[in-house]
């Protein structure tokens, strides 16, 4: 945890208060992981708000009290919409957390032929689970602003009806292991980046995505797991 992430409910009905007491996992992390002491200073941020610093005013086995000030904007988001075929549930949490750490502005989970139908019902990809993963990503990156997360469980209607308008004034890129095109240079404009499931999108899906306005490219002859591909592609194209 590189940033203690506060939430509006922490200050309750008095949003101008700068003194709060934490009793949840954050307090345990401050005591047991950071091993902070009375008077120590922590970096803090309000969810979807400013960042700043906090001083520990009281600490015991059950709670941690802090006094905080917020004064600085969080790190800028990437101008990136990540269009991601729903990963295997066991991997989804890590991938969403990583995309959040790296600064994606929006994440759209997309259905695909190679996405098993049961994945969508897994508790490992529930709204609550993925929300927690994004919060962890913010804490790691020192950010406060959640990316937008939504689901497109019907491939064809999304690609035909929504994707073209989503691509207006943006560059659209399709990472596909069997494309013959080389990857572009650093992306300097708003971008929609599509990454498929393990094994990539099937040919029909690639055709539909390209027809909608995406340009396909490959990183080369090595076939990467989705988890590796997401971090590699964002780092190479945007950072």
C-alpha atoms as a PDB file:
ATOM      1  CA  UNK A   1       0.000   0.000   0.000  1.00  0.00           C
ATOM      2  CA  UNK A   2       1.752   3.155  -1.226  1.00  0.00           C
ATOM      3  CA  UNK A   3      -1.275   5.338  -0.541  1.00  0.00           C
ATOM      4  CA  UNK A   4      -3.850   5.108   2.229  1.00  0.00           C
ATOM      5  CA  UNK A   5      -7.080   5.364   0.283  1.00  0.00           C
ATOM      6  CA  UNK A   6      -9.876   7.111   2.138  1.00  0.00           C
ATOM      7  CA  UNK A   7     -13.532   6.926   1.160  1.00  0.00           C
ATOM      8  CA  UNK A   8     -16.262   9.551   1.558  1.00  0.00           C
ATOM      9  CA  UNK A   9     -18.036   7.442   4.185  1.00  0.00           C
ATOM     10  CA  UNK A  10     -14.933   7.646   6.382  1.00  0.00           C
ATOM     11  CA  UNK A  11     -15.777  11.272   7.179  1.00  0.00           C
ATOM     12  CA  UNK A  12     -19.497  10.507   7.507  1.00  0.00           C
ATOM     13  CA  UNK A  13     -21.860  13.456   7.745  1.00  0.00           C
ATOM     14  CA  UNK A  14     -19.044  15.954   8.288  1.00  0.00           C
ATOM     15  CA  UNK A  15     -17.138  16.159   4.991  1.00  0.00           C
ATOM     16  CA  UNK A  16     -15.017  19.057   6.280  1.00  0.00           C
ATOM     17  CA  UNK A  17     -13.550  16.929   9.066  1.00  0.00           C
ATOM     18  CA  UNK A  18      -9.845  16.144   8.781  1.00  0.00           C
ATOM     19  CA  UNK A  19      -9.743  13.695  11.679  1.00  0.00           C
ATOM     20  CA  UNK A  20     -10.895  10.092  11.299  1.00  0.00           C
ATOM     21  CA  UNK A  21     -10.424   6.740  12.994  1.00  0.00           C
ATOM     22  CA  UNK A  22      -9.917   3.569  10.961  1.00  0.00           C
ATOM     23  CA  UNK A  23     -10.805   0.131  12.318  1.00  0.00           C
ATOM     24  CA  UNK A  24     -10.768  -2.033   9.174  1.00  0.00           C
ATOM     25  CA  UNK A  25      -8.057  -3.719   7.085  1.00  0.00           C
ATOM     26  CA  UNK A  26      -6.368  -0.357   6.529  1.00  0.00           C
ATOM     27  CA  UNK A  27      -5.722   0.027  10.246  1.00  0.00           C
ATOM     28  CA  UNK A  28      -4.330  -3.510  10.368  1.00  0.00           C
ATOM     29  CA  UNK A  29      -2.073  -2.752   7.392  1.00  0.00           C
ATOM     30  CA  UNK A  30      -0.753   0.419   9.044  1.00  0.00           C
ATOM     31  CA  UNK A  31       0.046  -1.477  12.250  1.00  0.00           C
ATOM     32  CA  UNK A  32       1.251  -4.829  10.958  1.00  0.00           C
ATOM     33  CA  UNK A  33       2.746  -4.130   7.525  1.00  0.00           C
ATOM     34  CA  UNK A  34       3.871  -0.513   7.639  1.00  0.00           C
ATOM     35  CA  UNK A  35       4.660  -0.850  11.362  1.00  0.00           C
ATOM     36  CA  UNK A  36       3.826   2.816  11.741  1.00  0.00           C
ATOM     37  CA  UNK A  37       4.057   4.618  15.050  1.00  0.00           C
ATOM     38  CA  UNK A  38       2.400   7.584  16.719  1.00  0.00           C
ATOM     39  CA  UNK A  39       3.335  10.745  14.836  1.00  0.00           C
ATOM     40  CA  UNK A  40       4.392   8.980  11.632  1.00  0.00           C
ATOM     41  CA  UNK A  41       3.300  10.511   8.325  1.00  0.00           C
ATOM     42  CA  UNK A  42       1.449   8.601   5.604  1.00  0.00           C
ATOM     43  CA  UNK A  43       0.522   9.453   2.029  1.00  0.00           C
ATOM     44  CA  UNK A  44      -3.270   9.537   1.703  1.00  0.00           C
ATOM     45  CA  UNK A  45      -5.903  10.220  -0.921  1.00  0.00           C
ATOM     46  CA  UNK A  46      -9.672  10.501  -1.101  1.00  0.00           C
ATOM     47  CA  UNK A  47     -11.336   8.102  -3.515  1.00  0.00           C
ATOM     48  CA  UNK A  48     -11.907   9.991  -6.792  1.00  0.00           C
ATOM     49  CA  UNK A  49     -10.407  13.081  -5.180  1.00  0.00           C
ATOM     50  CA  UNK A  50      -7.173  14.730  -4.091  1.00  0.00           C
ATOM     51  CA  UNK A  51      -4.073  13.263  -2.469  1.00  0.00           C
ATOM     52  CA  UNK A  52      -2.146  14.577   0.522  1.00  0.00           C
ATOM     53  CA  UNK A  53      -0.608  13.484   3.789  1.00  0.00           C
ATOM     54  CA  UNK A  54      -1.771  12.268   7.177  1.00  0.00           C
ATOM     55  CA  UNK A  55      -0.253  12.153  10.625  1.00  0.00           C
ATOM     56  CA  UNK A  56      -1.037   9.318  13.031  1.00  0.00           C
ATOM     57  CA  UNK A  57      -2.605  10.826  16.139  1.00  0.00           C
ATOM     58  CA  UNK A  58      -3.486   7.590  17.951  1.00  0.00           C
ATOM     59  CA  UNK A  59      -2.766   3.909  17.414  1.00  0.00           C
ATOM     60  CA  UNK A  60      -3.750   0.777  19.323  1.00  0.00           C
ATOM     61  CA  UNK A  61      -4.645  -2.866  18.736  1.00  0.00           C
ATOM     62  CA  UNK A  62      -8.094  -2.051  17.365  1.00  0.00           C
ATOM     63  CA  UNK A  63      -7.830   1.258  15.532  1.00  0.00           C
ATOM     64  CA  UNK A  64      -5.670   3.967  14.009  1.00  0.00           C
ATOM     65  CA  UNK A  65      -6.601   7.652  14.160  1.00  0.00           C
ATOM     66  CA  UNK A  66      -5.195  10.146  11.666  1.00  0.00           C
ATOM     67  CA  UNK A  67      -5.319  13.839  10.900  1.00  0.00           C
ATOM     68  CA  UNK A  68      -5.054  14.500   7.169  1.00  0.00           C
ATOM     69  CA  UNK A  69      -4.795  17.263   4.577  1.00  0.00           C
ATOM     70  CA  UNK A  70      -5.596  16.868   0.873  1.00  0.00           C
ATOM     71  CA  UNK A  71      -4.020  19.301  -1.576  1.00  0.00           C
ATOM     72  CA  UNK A  72      -2.613  17.608  -4.703  1.00  0.00           C
ATOM     73  CA  UNK A  73      -4.201  16.023  -7.782  1.00  0.00           C
ATOM     74  CA  UNK A  74      -3.647  12.305  -8.350  1.00  0.00           C
ATOM     75  CA  UNK A  75      -1.450  11.009 -11.203  1.00  0.00           C
ATOM     76  CA  UNK A  76      -2.926  11.588 -14.652  1.00  0.00           C
ATOM     77  CA  UNK A  77      -4.811   8.718 -16.258  1.00  0.00           C
ATOM     78  CA  UNK A  78      -3.797   7.275 -19.590  1.00  0.00           C
ATOM     79  CA  UNK A  79      -6.079   8.177 -22.484  1.00  0.00           C
ATOM     80  CA  UNK A  80      -6.774   4.463 -22.778  1.00  0.00           C
ATOM     81  CA  UNK A  81      -9.913   2.384 -23.037  1.00  0.00           C
ATOM     82  CA  UNK A  82      -8.897  -1.248 -22.550  1.00  0.00           C
ATOM     83  CA  UNK A  83     -11.236  -3.592 -24.427  1.00  0.00           C
ATOM     84  CA  UNK A  84     -10.433  -6.898 -22.801  1.00  0.00           C
ATOM     85  CA  UNK A  85     -11.897 -10.319 -23.540  1.00  0.00           C
ATOM     86  CA  UNK A  86     -13.016 -11.595 -20.138  1.00  0.00           C
ATOM     87  CA  UNK A  87     -10.013 -13.483 -18.723  1.00  0.00           C
ATOM     88  CA  UNK A  88     -10.159 -16.723 -16.818  1.00  0.00           C
ATOM     89  CA  UNK A  89     -11.689 -15.835 -13.455  1.00  0.00           C
ATOM     90  CA  UNK A  90      -8.583 -16.829 -11.484  1.00  0.00           C
ATOM     91  CA  UNK A  91      -6.562 -14.331 -13.526  1.00  0.00           C
ATOM     92  CA  UNK A  92      -9.149 -11.563 -13.870  1.00  0.00           C
ATOM     93  CA  UNK A  93      -8.520  -9.942 -10.503  1.00  0.00           C
ATOM     94  CA  UNK A  94      -4.770  -9.632 -11.087  1.00  0.00           C
ATOM     95  CA  UNK A  95      -5.247  -8.294 -14.615  1.00  0.00           C
ATOM     96  CA  UNK A  96      -7.808  -5.671 -13.584  1.00  0.00           C
ATOM     97  CA  UNK A  97      -5.576  -4.610 -10.699  1.00  0.00           C
ATOM     98  CA  UNK A  98      -2.573  -4.272 -13.034  1.00  0.00           C
ATOM     99  CA  UNK A  99      -4.544  -2.255 -15.608  1.00  0.00           C
ATOM    100  CA  UNK A 100      -5.656   0.053 -12.797  1.00  0.00           C
ATOM    101  CA  UNK A 101      -2.086   0.447 -11.529  1.00  0.00           C
ATOM    102  CA  UNK A 102      -0.907   1.359 -15.017  1.00  0.00           C
ATOM    103  CA  UNK A 103      -3.563   4.070 -15.371  1.00  0.00           C
ATOM    104  CA  UNK A 104      -6.243   2.796 -17.755  1.00  0.00           C
ATOM    105  CA  UNK A 105      -9.179   5.220 -17.836  1.00  0.00           C
ATOM    106  CA  UNK A 106     -11.798   2.657 -18.834  1.00  0.00           C
ATOM    107  CA  UNK A 107     -11.945  -1.136 -18.891  1.00  0.00           C
ATOM    108  CA  UNK A 108     -14.580  -2.978 -20.914  1.00  0.00           C
ATOM    109  CA  UNK A 109     -14.858  -6.727 -20.384  1.00  0.00           C
ATOM    110  CA  UNK A 110     -15.873  -8.275 -23.694  1.00  0.00           C
ATOM    111  CA  UNK A 111     -17.343 -11.650 -24.551  1.00  0.00           C
ATOM    112  CA  UNK A 112     -15.584 -13.851 -27.100  1.00  0.00           C
ATOM    113  CA  UNK A 113     -15.936 -17.322 -28.604  1.00  0.00           C
ATOM    114  CA  UNK A 114     -13.026 -18.516 -26.451  1.00  0.00           C
ATOM    115  CA  UNK A 115     -14.534 -17.048 -23.265  1.00  0.00           C
ATOM    116  CA  UNK A 116     -16.357 -19.837 -21.450  1.00  0.00           C
ATOM    117  CA  UNK A 117     -19.935 -18.854 -20.608  1.00  0.00           C
ATOM    118  CA  UNK A 118     -19.414 -19.915 -16.994  1.00  0.00           C
ATOM    119  CA  UNK A 119     -16.782 -17.191 -16.528  1.00  0.00           C
ATOM    120  CA  UNK A 120     -19.436 -14.472 -16.406  1.00  0.00           C
ATOM    121  CA  UNK A 121     -21.156 -16.114 -13.417  1.00  0.00           C
ATOM    122  CA  UNK A 122     -17.998 -16.674 -11.395  1.00  0.00           C
ATOM    123  CA  UNK A 123     -17.799 -14.820  -8.063  1.00  0.00           C
ATOM    124  CA  UNK A 124     -14.164 -14.119  -8.970  1.00  0.00           C
ATOM    125  CA  UNK A 125     -15.357 -11.613 -11.599  1.00  0.00           C
ATOM    126  CA  UNK A 126     -18.220 -10.139  -9.590  1.00  0.00           C
ATOM    127  CA  UNK A 127     -18.577  -6.365  -9.361  1.00  0.00           C
ATOM    128  CA  UNK A 128     -17.498  -6.473  -5.711  1.00  0.00           C
ATOM    129  CA  UNK A 129     -14.393  -8.578  -6.353  1.00  0.00           C
ATOM    130  CA  UNK A 130     -13.184  -6.488  -9.283  1.00  0.00           C
ATOM    131  CA  UNK A 131     -13.950  -3.243  -7.442  1.00  0.00           C
ATOM    132  CA  UNK A 132     -11.670  -4.394  -4.615  1.00  0.00           C
ATOM    133  CA  UNK A 133      -8.999  -5.274  -7.169  1.00  0.00           C
ATOM    134  CA  UNK A 134      -9.178  -1.763  -8.614  1.00  0.00           C
ATOM    135  CA  UNK A 135      -8.909  -0.224  -5.145  1.00  0.00           C
ATOM    136  CA  UNK A 136      -5.758  -2.280  -4.573  1.00  0.00           C
ATOM    137  CA  UNK A 137      -4.403  -0.995  -7.881  1.00  0.00           C
ATOM    138  CA  UNK A 138      -5.024   2.590  -6.821  1.00  0.00           C
ATOM    139  CA  UNK A 139      -3.304   2.049  -3.473  1.00  0.00           C
ATOM    140  CA  UNK A 140      -0.292   0.533  -5.203  1.00  0.00           C
ATOM    141  CA  UNK A 141       0.015   3.312  -7.801  1.00  0.00           C
ATOM    142  CA  UNK A 142      -0.686   6.228  -5.467  1.00  0.00           C
ATOM    143  CA  UNK A 143      -3.817   7.062  -7.458  1.00  0.00           C
ATOM    144  CA  UNK A 144      -7.342   7.877  -6.308  1.00  0.00           C
ATOM    145  CA  UNK A 145      -9.477   7.816  -9.465  1.00  0.00           C
ATOM    146  CA  UNK A 146     -11.188   4.546 -10.324  1.00  0.00           C
ATOM    147  CA  UNK A 147     -11.290   3.515 -13.964  1.00  0.00           C
ATOM    148  CA  UNK A 148     -14.736   2.982 -15.435  1.00  0.00           C
ATOM    149  CA  UNK A 149     -15.480  -0.741 -15.551  1.00  0.00           C
ATOM    150  CA  UNK A 150     -18.291  -2.206 -17.611  1.00  0.00           C
ATOM    151  CA  UNK A 151     -19.248  -5.455 -19.313  1.00  0.00           C
ATOM    152  CA  UNK A 152     -20.166  -6.275 -22.894  1.00  0.00           C
ATOM    153  CA  UNK A 153     -21.518  -9.820 -22.697  1.00  0.00           C
ATOM    154  CA  UNK A 154     -22.727  -9.912 -26.314  1.00  0.00           C
ATOM    155  CA  UNK A 155     -19.857  -9.576 -28.762  1.00  0.00           C
ATOM    156  CA  UNK A 156     -21.626  -8.767 -32.030  1.00  0.00           C
ATOM    157  CA  UNK A 157     -24.080  -6.118 -30.741  1.00  0.00           C
ATOM    158  CA  UNK A 158     -21.273  -4.344 -28.905  1.00  0.00           C
ATOM    159  CA  UNK A 159     -18.855  -4.362 -31.839  1.00  0.00           C
ATOM    160  CA  UNK A 160     -21.474  -3.338 -34.395  1.00  0.00           C
ATOM    161  CA  UNK A 161     -23.553  -0.881 -32.362  1.00  0.00           C
ATOM    162  CA  UNK A 162     -21.250   0.615 -29.727  1.00  0.00           C
ATOM    163  CA  UNK A 163     -17.645   0.264 -30.803  1.00  0.00           C
ATOM    164  CA  UNK A 164     -17.769   2.599 -33.853  1.00  0.00           C
ATOM    165  CA  UNK A 165     -19.033   5.495 -31.745  1.00  0.00           C
ATOM    166  CA  UNK A 166     -16.538   4.646 -29.001  1.00  0.00           C
ATOM    167  CA  UNK A 167     -13.781   5.008 -31.593  1.00  0.00           C
ATOM    168  CA  UNK A 168     -14.757   8.530 -32.644  1.00  0.00           C
ATOM    169  CA  UNK A 169     -11.666  10.771 -32.441  1.00  0.00           C
ATOM    170  CA  UNK A 170      -9.623   7.838 -31.120  1.00  0.00           C
ATOM    171  CA  UNK A 171      -7.144   5.384 -32.549  1.00  0.00           C
ATOM    172  CA  UNK A 172      -8.256   1.762 -32.357  1.00  0.00           C
ATOM    173  CA  UNK A 173      -5.691  -1.022 -31.925  1.00  0.00           C
ATOM    174  CA  UNK A 174      -6.158  -4.788 -31.911  1.00  0.00           C
ATOM    175  CA  UNK A 175      -3.361  -6.839 -30.363  1.00  0.00           C
ATOM    176  CA  UNK A 176      -3.458 -10.167 -32.174  1.00  0.00           C
ATOM    177  CA  UNK A 177      -0.670 -12.768 -32.070  1.00  0.00           C
ATOM    178  CA  UNK A 178      -1.124 -13.759 -35.710  1.00  0.00           C
ATOM    179  CA  UNK A 179      -1.195 -10.296 -37.253  1.00  0.00           C
ATOM    180  CA  UNK A 180       1.563  -9.498 -39.736  1.00  0.00           C
ATOM    181  CA  UNK A 181       1.726  -5.831 -38.747  1.00  0.00           C
ATOM    182  CA  UNK A 182       4.362  -4.472 -36.375  1.00  0.00           C
ATOM    183  CA  UNK A 183       3.292  -2.620 -33.241  1.00  0.00           C
ATOM    184  CA  UNK A 184       2.904   1.148 -33.525  1.00  0.00           C
ATOM    185  CA  UNK A 185       5.188   3.635 -31.832  1.00  0.00           C
ATOM    186  CA  UNK A 186       4.185   5.348 -28.612  1.00  0.00           C
ATOM    187  CA  UNK A 187       0.505   6.283 -28.754  1.00  0.00           C
ATOM    188  CA  UNK A 188      -0.021  10.018 -28.311  1.00  0.00           C
ATOM    189  CA  UNK A 189      -3.817  10.201 -28.617  1.00  0.00           C
ATOM    190  CA  UNK A 190      -6.937   8.700 -27.099  1.00  0.00           C
ATOM    191  CA  UNK A 191      -6.914   4.997 -27.792  1.00  0.00           C
ATOM    192  CA  UNK A 192      -9.069   1.886 -27.640  1.00  0.00           C
ATOM    193  CA  UNK A 193      -6.821  -1.163 -27.223  1.00  0.00           C
ATOM    194  CA  UNK A 194      -8.409  -4.594 -27.713  1.00  0.00           C
ATOM    195  CA  UNK A 195      -6.759  -7.668 -26.195  1.00  0.00           C
ATOM    196  CA  UNK A 196      -8.271 -11.093 -26.754  1.00  0.00           C
ATOM    197  CA  UNK A 197      -8.535 -14.235 -24.661  1.00  0.00           C
ATOM    198  CA  UNK A 198      -5.868 -16.921 -24.397  1.00  0.00           C
ATOM    199  CA  UNK A 199      -5.194 -17.907 -28.013  1.00  0.00           C
ATOM    200  CA  UNK A 200      -6.523 -14.611 -29.352  1.00  0.00           C
ATOM    201  CA  UNK A 201      -9.808 -13.670 -30.991  1.00  0.00           C
ATOM    202  CA  UNK A 202     -11.068 -16.085 -33.624  1.00  0.00           C
ATOM    203  CA  UNK A 203     -10.874 -14.908 -37.298  1.00  0.00           C
ATOM    204  CA  UNK A 204     -14.547 -13.868 -37.404  1.00  0.00           C
ATOM    205  CA  UNK A 205     -14.080 -11.685 -34.323  1.00  0.00           C
ATOM    206  CA  UNK A 206     -10.912 -10.135 -35.722  1.00  0.00           C
ATOM    207  CA  UNK A 207     -12.759  -9.258 -38.945  1.00  0.00           C
ATOM    208  CA  UNK A 208     -15.606  -7.627 -37.014  1.00  0.00           C
ATOM    209  CA  UNK A 209     -13.206  -5.628 -34.845  1.00  0.00           C
ATOM    210  CA  UNK A 210     -11.219  -4.470 -37.865  1.00  0.00           C
ATOM    211  CA  UNK A 211     -14.430  -3.572 -39.728  1.00  0.00           C
ATOM    212  CA  UNK A 212     -15.400  -1.440 -36.731  1.00  0.00           C
ATOM    213  CA  UNK A 213     -12.170   0.530 -37.072  1.00  0.00           C
ATOM    214  CA  UNK A 214      -9.398  -1.275 -35.196  1.00  0.00           C
ATOM    215  CA  UNK A 215      -5.924  -1.804 -36.658  1.00  0.00           C
ATOM    216  CA  UNK A 216      -4.352  -5.172 -35.858  1.00  0.00           C
ATOM    217  CA  UNK A 217      -0.725  -5.690 -34.860  1.00  0.00           C
ATOM    218  CA  UNK A 218       1.486  -8.299 -33.217  1.00  0.00           C
ATOM    219  CA  UNK A 219       4.342  -8.087 -30.754  1.00  0.00           C
ATOM    220  CA  UNK A 220       6.164 -10.844 -32.589  1.00  0.00           C
ATOM    221  CA  UNK A 221       6.456 -14.619 -32.645  1.00  0.00           C
ATOM    222  CA  UNK A 222       6.105 -15.143 -28.883  1.00  0.00           C
ATOM    223  CA  UNK A 223       2.577 -15.879 -27.689  1.00  0.00           C
ATOM    224  CA  UNK A 224       1.931 -14.170 -24.363  1.00  0.00           C
ATOM    225  CA  UNK A 225      -0.582 -14.980 -21.667  1.00  0.00           C
ATOM    226  CA  UNK A 226      -3.259 -12.338 -21.271  1.00  0.00           C
ATOM    227  CA  UNK A 227      -1.844 -11.210 -17.932  1.00  0.00           C
ATOM    228  CA  UNK A 228       1.589 -10.655 -19.474  1.00  0.00           C
ATOM    229  CA  UNK A 229       0.179  -9.099 -22.644  1.00  0.00           C
ATOM    230  CA  UNK A 230      -1.834  -6.440 -20.807  1.00  0.00           C
ATOM    231  CA  UNK A 231       1.128  -5.122 -18.823  1.00  0.00           C
ATOM    232  CA  UNK A 232       3.545  -5.434 -21.752  1.00  0.00           C
ATOM    233  CA  UNK A 233       1.296  -3.665 -24.233  1.00  0.00           C
ATOM    234  CA  UNK A 234       0.320  -0.799 -21.946  1.00  0.00           C
ATOM    235  CA  UNK A 235       3.936  -0.271 -20.977  1.00  0.00           C
ATOM    236  CA  UNK A 236       5.198  -0.388 -24.552  1.00  0.00           C
ATOM    237  CA  UNK A 237       2.512   1.737 -26.157  1.00  0.00           C
ATOM    238  CA  UNK A 238       1.700   4.322 -23.496  1.00  0.00           C
ATOM    239  CA  UNK A 239       4.408   4.647 -20.826  1.00  0.00           C
END
